[in-house]
Amino acid sequence: MQKIIWDTIEIEINYVESFSASFEKSHDDKMSHIEIYSKEDLPITETGYKSIFILQSNLERWGGLEKYIIAELDHGAKNKDWQFKKESKRQLCLF
């Protein structure tokens, strides 16, 4: 289990590089599985949990596991709903 901090949020990552032996027998690539856990909402999941299946070659193109996850989070953080949610946490809400 690997931990990263993104936008002050602690995130745990479970990574299995070679998830499916049967896939690898018929392809020239590995199917990787990433599980993301957080006690807080994230822009890519409202539950704090996300499961991602990705080809190892695609993960390498992104620069590795951590860079891929940060890119996904940064991309999701551009969403207007996430921006509103983040801003709402900073301000007192009377309703």
N, C-alpha and C. Protein backbone atom coordinates (compact mmCIF):
# COMPACT_ATOMS: atom_id res chain seq x y z
N MET A 1 0.86 -1.18 0.00
CA MET A 1 0.00 0.00 0.00
C MET A 1 0.90 1.23 0.00
N GLN A 2 0.63 2.12 -0.92
CA GLN A 2 1.38 3.36 -1.06
C GLN A 2 0.49 4.51 -0.64
N LYS A 3 1.07 5.56 -0.05
CA LYS A 3 0.31 6.73 0.34
C LYS A 3 0.84 7.96 -0.38
N ILE A 4 -0.11 8.81 -0.77
CA ILE A 4 0.25 10.11 -1.33
C ILE A 4 -0.65 11.16 -0.70
N ILE A 5 -0.23 12.40 -0.78
CA ILE A 5 -1.05 13.53 -0.35
C ILE A 5 -1.36 14.34 -1.60
N TRP A 6 -2.64 14.56 -1.83
CA TRP A 6 -3.07 15.39 -2.96
C TRP A 6 -4.02 16.45 -2.42
N ASP A 7 -3.70 17.72 -2.62
CA ASP A 7 -4.55 18.83 -2.20
C ASP A 7 -4.95 18.68 -0.73
N THR A 8 -3.99 18.35 0.11
CA THR A 8 -4.12 18.14 1.56
C THR A 8 -4.93 16.89 1.93
N ILE A 9 -5.26 16.06 0.98
CA ILE A 9 -6.04 14.84 1.23
C ILE A 9 -5.10 13.63 1.17
N GLU A 10 -5.13 12.82 2.23
CA GLU A 10 -4.32 11.60 2.25
C GLU A 10 -5.03 10.51 1.45
N ILE A 11 -4.28 9.89 0.57
CA ILE A 11 -4.83 8.86 -0.31
C ILE A 11 -3.94 7.62 -0.22
N GLU A 12 -4.59 6.47 -0.07
CA GLU A 12 -3.88 5.20 -0.09
C GLU A 12 -4.11 4.52 -1.43
N ILE A 13 -3.07 3.91 -1.95
CA ILE A 13 -3.14 3.28 -3.27
C ILE A 13 -2.68 1.83 -3.16
N ASN A 14 -3.52 0.95 -3.63
CA ASN A 14 -3.14 -0.45 -3.75
C ASN A 14 -2.98 -0.74 -5.25
N TYR A 15 -1.84 -1.28 -5.62
CA TYR A 15 -1.52 -1.46 -7.04
C TYR A 15 -1.10 -2.90 -7.30
N VAL A 16 -1.76 -3.53 -8.25
CA VAL A 16 -1.39 -4.87 -8.70
C VAL A 16 -0.99 -4.74 -10.17
N GLU A 17 0.30 -4.92 -10.43
CA GLU A 17 0.82 -4.71 -11.79
C GLU A 17 0.29 -5.74 -12.77
N SER A 18 0.24 -6.97 -12.38
CA SER A 18 -0.19 -8.05 -13.26
C SER A 18 -1.45 -8.69 -12.68
N PHE A 19 -2.60 -8.14 -13.05
CA PHE A 19 -3.87 -8.55 -12.45
C PHE A 19 -4.49 -9.77 -13.10
N SER A 20 -4.31 -9.93 -14.41
CA SER A 20 -5.01 -10.99 -15.14
C SER A 20 -4.05 -11.80 -16.01
N ALA A 21 -3.71 -13.00 -15.55
CA ALA A 21 -2.82 -13.87 -16.32
C ALA A 21 -3.46 -14.28 -17.64
N SER A 22 -4.76 -14.50 -17.63
CA SER A 22 -5.44 -14.90 -18.88
C SER A 22 -5.40 -13.79 -19.92
N PHE A 23 -5.50 -12.54 -19.49
CA PHE A 23 -5.39 -11.41 -20.41
C PHE A 23 -4.00 -11.37 -21.03
N GLU A 24 -2.99 -11.57 -20.20
CA GLU A 24 -1.61 -11.48 -20.66
C GLU A 24 -1.26 -12.59 -21.64
N LYS A 25 -1.91 -13.74 -21.54
CA LYS A 25 -1.65 -14.83 -22.48
C LYS A 25 -2.08 -14.48 -23.89
N SER A 26 -3.12 -13.65 -24.01
CA SER A 26 -3.63 -13.31 -25.33
C SER A 26 -3.24 -11.90 -25.80
N HIS A 27 -2.49 -11.16 -24.98
CA HIS A 27 -2.07 -9.81 -25.34
C HIS A 27 -0.59 -9.64 -25.01
N ASP A 28 0.00 -8.65 -25.59
CA ASP A 28 1.41 -8.36 -25.31
C ASP A 28 1.56 -7.28 -24.24
N ASP A 29 0.63 -7.24 -23.33
CA ASP A 29 0.63 -6.20 -22.30
C ASP A 29 0.07 -6.79 -21.01
N LYS A 30 0.30 -6.09 -19.92
CA LYS A 30 -0.25 -6.50 -18.63
C LYS A 30 -1.46 -5.65 -18.29
N MET A 31 -2.45 -6.28 -17.67
CA MET A 31 -3.61 -5.56 -17.16
C MET A 31 -3.34 -5.27 -15.69
N SER A 32 -3.24 -4.00 -15.35
CA SER A 32 -2.96 -3.59 -13.98
C SER A 32 -4.26 -3.15 -13.30
N HIS A 33 -4.26 -3.27 -11.98
CA HIS A 33 -5.42 -2.85 -11.20
C HIS A 33 -4.95 -1.88 -10.12
N ILE A 34 -5.65 -0.76 -10.05
CA ILE A 34 -5.35 0.28 -9.06
C ILE A 34 -6.59 0.46 -8.19
N GLU A 35 -6.40 0.47 -6.88
CA GLU A 35 -7.48 0.81 -5.96
C GLU A 35 -7.05 2.05 -5.19
N ILE A 36 -7.95 3.03 -5.15
CA ILE A 36 -7.68 4.29 -4.47
C ILE A 36 -8.64 4.39 -3.28
N TYR A 37 -8.08 4.67 -2.10
CA TYR A 37 -8.86 4.80 -0.88
C TYR A 37 -8.59 6.15 -0.25
N SER A 38 -9.64 6.79 0.23
CA SER A 38 -9.51 8.04 0.97
C SER A 38 -10.67 8.17 1.94
N LYS A 39 -10.43 8.79 3.08
CA LYS A 39 -11.51 9.04 4.04
C LYS A 39 -12.35 10.23 3.62
N GLU A 40 -11.87 10.95 2.63
CA GLU A 40 -12.59 12.13 2.12
C GLU A 40 -13.03 11.90 0.68
N ASP A 41 -13.98 12.71 0.25
CA ASP A 41 -14.38 12.68 -1.16
C ASP A 41 -13.19 13.08 -2.02
N LEU A 42 -13.20 12.58 -3.21
CA LEU A 42 -12.19 12.95 -4.20
C LEU A 42 -12.91 13.36 -5.48
N PRO A 43 -12.27 14.14 -6.33
CA PRO A 43 -12.94 14.55 -7.57
C PRO A 43 -13.22 13.40 -8.53
N ILE A 44 -12.63 12.23 -8.28
CA ILE A 44 -12.88 11.09 -9.15
C ILE A 44 -13.81 10.06 -8.50
N THR A 45 -14.24 10.31 -7.26
CA THR A 45 -15.17 9.42 -6.57
C THR A 45 -15.78 10.12 -5.37
N GLU A 46 -17.06 9.95 -5.18
CA GLU A 46 -17.74 10.56 -4.04
C GLU A 46 -17.67 9.68 -2.79
N THR A 47 -17.25 8.44 -2.96
CA THR A 47 -17.22 7.51 -1.84
C THR A 47 -15.85 7.40 -1.19
N GLY A 48 -14.82 7.93 -1.84
CA GLY A 48 -13.48 7.78 -1.32
C GLY A 48 -12.80 6.51 -1.81
N TYR A 49 -13.51 5.73 -2.64
CA TYR A 49 -12.93 4.50 -3.20
C TYR A 49 -13.08 4.53 -4.71
N LYS A 50 -12.03 4.11 -5.39
CA LYS A 50 -12.07 4.02 -6.85
C LYS A 50 -11.24 2.83 -7.30
N SER A 51 -11.79 2.04 -8.19
CA SER A 51 -11.10 0.90 -8.78
C SER A 51 -10.87 1.20 -10.25
N ILE A 52 -9.62 1.05 -10.69
CA ILE A 52 -9.26 1.36 -12.07
C ILE A 52 -8.47 0.20 -12.66
N PHE A 53 -8.89 -0.25 -13.83
CA PHE A 53 -8.13 -1.23 -14.59
C PHE A 53 -7.48 -0.48 -15.74
N ILE A 54 -6.18 -0.70 -15.92
CA ILE A 54 -5.44 0.04 -16.94
C ILE A 54 -4.32 -0.84 -17.49
N LEU A 55 -4.06 -0.70 -18.77
CA LEU A 55 -2.94 -1.42 -19.36
C LEU A 55 -1.63 -0.86 -18.81
N GLN A 56 -0.71 -1.72 -18.53
CA GLN A 56 0.59 -1.31 -18.00
C GLN A 56 1.28 -0.33 -18.95
N SER A 57 1.17 -0.55 -20.25
CA SER A 57 1.80 0.35 -21.22
C SER A 57 1.21 1.76 -21.13
N ASN A 58 -0.09 1.87 -20.90
CA ASN A 58 -0.71 3.20 -20.75
C ASN A 58 -0.24 3.87 -19.47
N LEU A 59 -0.11 3.10 -18.40
CA LEU A 59 0.37 3.65 -17.14
C LEU A 59 1.80 4.17 -17.30
N GLU A 60 2.61 3.45 -18.01
CA GLU A 60 3.99 3.88 -18.26
C GLU A 60 4.03 5.16 -19.10
N ARG A 61 3.10 5.29 -20.06
CA ARG A 61 3.03 6.51 -20.88
C ARG A 61 2.73 7.75 -20.04
N TRP A 62 1.98 7.55 -18.97
CA TRP A 62 1.64 8.65 -18.07
C TRP A 62 2.80 8.99 -17.14
N GLY A 63 3.83 8.16 -17.11
CA GLY A 63 4.98 8.44 -16.25
C GLY A 63 4.96 7.65 -14.96
N GLY A 64 4.09 6.66 -14.87
CA GLY A 64 4.05 5.82 -13.67
C GLY A 64 2.77 6.01 -12.88
N LEU A 65 2.65 5.21 -11.86
CA LEU A 65 1.44 5.13 -11.05
C LEU A 65 1.07 6.47 -10.41
N GLU A 66 1.98 7.05 -9.68
CA GLU A 66 1.68 8.28 -8.95
C GLU A 66 1.33 9.43 -9.90
N LYS A 67 2.07 9.58 -10.96
CA LYS A 67 1.79 10.66 -11.92
C LYS A 67 0.42 10.46 -12.58
N TYR A 68 0.08 9.21 -12.87
CA TYR A 68 -1.23 8.93 -13.47
C TYR A 68 -2.36 9.31 -12.51
N ILE A 69 -2.24 8.92 -11.27
CA ILE A 69 -3.30 9.21 -10.29
C ILE A 69 -3.42 10.71 -10.06
N ILE A 70 -2.32 11.39 -9.93
CA ILE A 70 -2.35 12.84 -9.73
C ILE A 70 -2.97 13.53 -10.95
N ALA A 71 -2.64 13.07 -12.14
CA ALA A 71 -3.23 13.65 -13.35
C ALA A 71 -4.74 13.43 -13.37
N GLU A 72 -5.20 12.25 -12.98
CA GLU A 72 -6.64 11.98 -12.92
C GLU A 72 -7.33 12.88 -11.89
N LEU A 73 -6.72 13.04 -10.73
CA LEU A 73 -7.28 13.90 -9.69
C LEU A 73 -7.31 15.36 -10.14
N ASP A 74 -6.21 15.82 -10.72
CA ASP A 74 -6.15 17.20 -11.21
C ASP A 74 -7.20 17.46 -12.29
N HIS A 75 -7.37 16.50 -13.18
CA HIS A 75 -8.38 16.63 -14.23
C HIS A 75 -9.78 16.68 -13.62
N GLY A 76 -10.07 15.79 -12.69
CA GLY A 76 -11.37 15.77 -12.03
C GLY A 76 -11.64 17.03 -11.22
N ALA A 77 -10.57 17.62 -10.68
CA ALA A 77 -10.72 18.83 -9.86
C ALA A 77 -11.15 20.04 -10.67
N LYS A 78 -11.06 19.97 -11.99
CA LYS A 78 -11.51 21.06 -12.84
C LYS A 78 -13.03 21.09 -13.00
N ASN A 79 -13.68 20.03 -12.58
CA ASN A 79 -15.13 19.92 -12.67
C ASN A 79 -15.80 20.97 -11.77
N LYS A 80 -16.84 21.61 -12.28
CA LYS A 80 -17.52 22.67 -11.52
C LYS A 80 -18.15 22.14 -10.23
N ASP A 81 -18.66 20.93 -10.25
CA ASP A 81 -19.24 20.35 -9.04
C ASP A 81 -18.18 20.17 -7.95
N TRP A 82 -16.98 19.72 -8.35
CA TRP A 82 -15.91 19.57 -7.37
C TRP A 82 -15.47 20.93 -6.84
N GLN A 83 -15.36 21.92 -7.71
CA GLN A 83 -14.98 23.26 -7.27
C GLN A 83 -15.98 23.81 -6.26
N PHE A 84 -17.27 23.59 -6.53
CA PHE A 84 -18.30 24.05 -5.61
C PHE A 84 -18.20 23.33 -4.27
N LYS A 85 -18.01 22.03 -4.31
CA LYS A 85 -17.90 21.24 -3.09
C LYS A 85 -16.69 21.68 -2.26
N LYS A 86 -15.58 21.90 -2.93
CA LYS A 86 -14.35 22.33 -2.25
C LYS A 86 -14.54 23.71 -1.62
N GLU A 87 -15.15 24.63 -2.35
CA GLU A 87 -15.38 25.98 -1.83
C GLU A 87 -16.37 25.95 -0.67
N SER A 88 -17.37 25.09 -0.75
CA SER A 88 -18.37 24.97 0.31
C SER A 88 -17.74 24.49 1.61
N LYS A 89 -16.73 23.67 1.54
CA LYS A 89 -16.05 23.17 2.74
C LYS A 89 -15.28 24.30 3.44
N ARG A 90 -14.82 25.27 2.66
CA ARG A 90 -14.04 26.37 3.23
C ARG A 90 -14.92 27.42 3.92
N GLN A 91 -16.12 27.56 3.44
CA GLN A 91 -17.01 28.60 3.96
C GLN A 91 -18.01 28.00 4.94
N LEU A 92 -18.39 28.80 5.92
CA LEU A 92 -19.45 28.38 6.82
C LEU A 92 -20.77 28.35 6.05
N CYS A 93 -21.51 27.32 6.30
CA CYS A 93 -22.82 27.19 5.65
C CYS A 93 -23.90 27.28 6.73
N LEU A 94 -24.83 28.21 6.59
CA LEU A 94 -25.89 28.39 7.57
C LEU A 94 -27.12 27.56 7.25
N PHE A 95 -27.13 26.90 6.10
CA PHE A 95 -28.29 26.13 5.71
C PHE A 95 -27.92 24.69 5.47
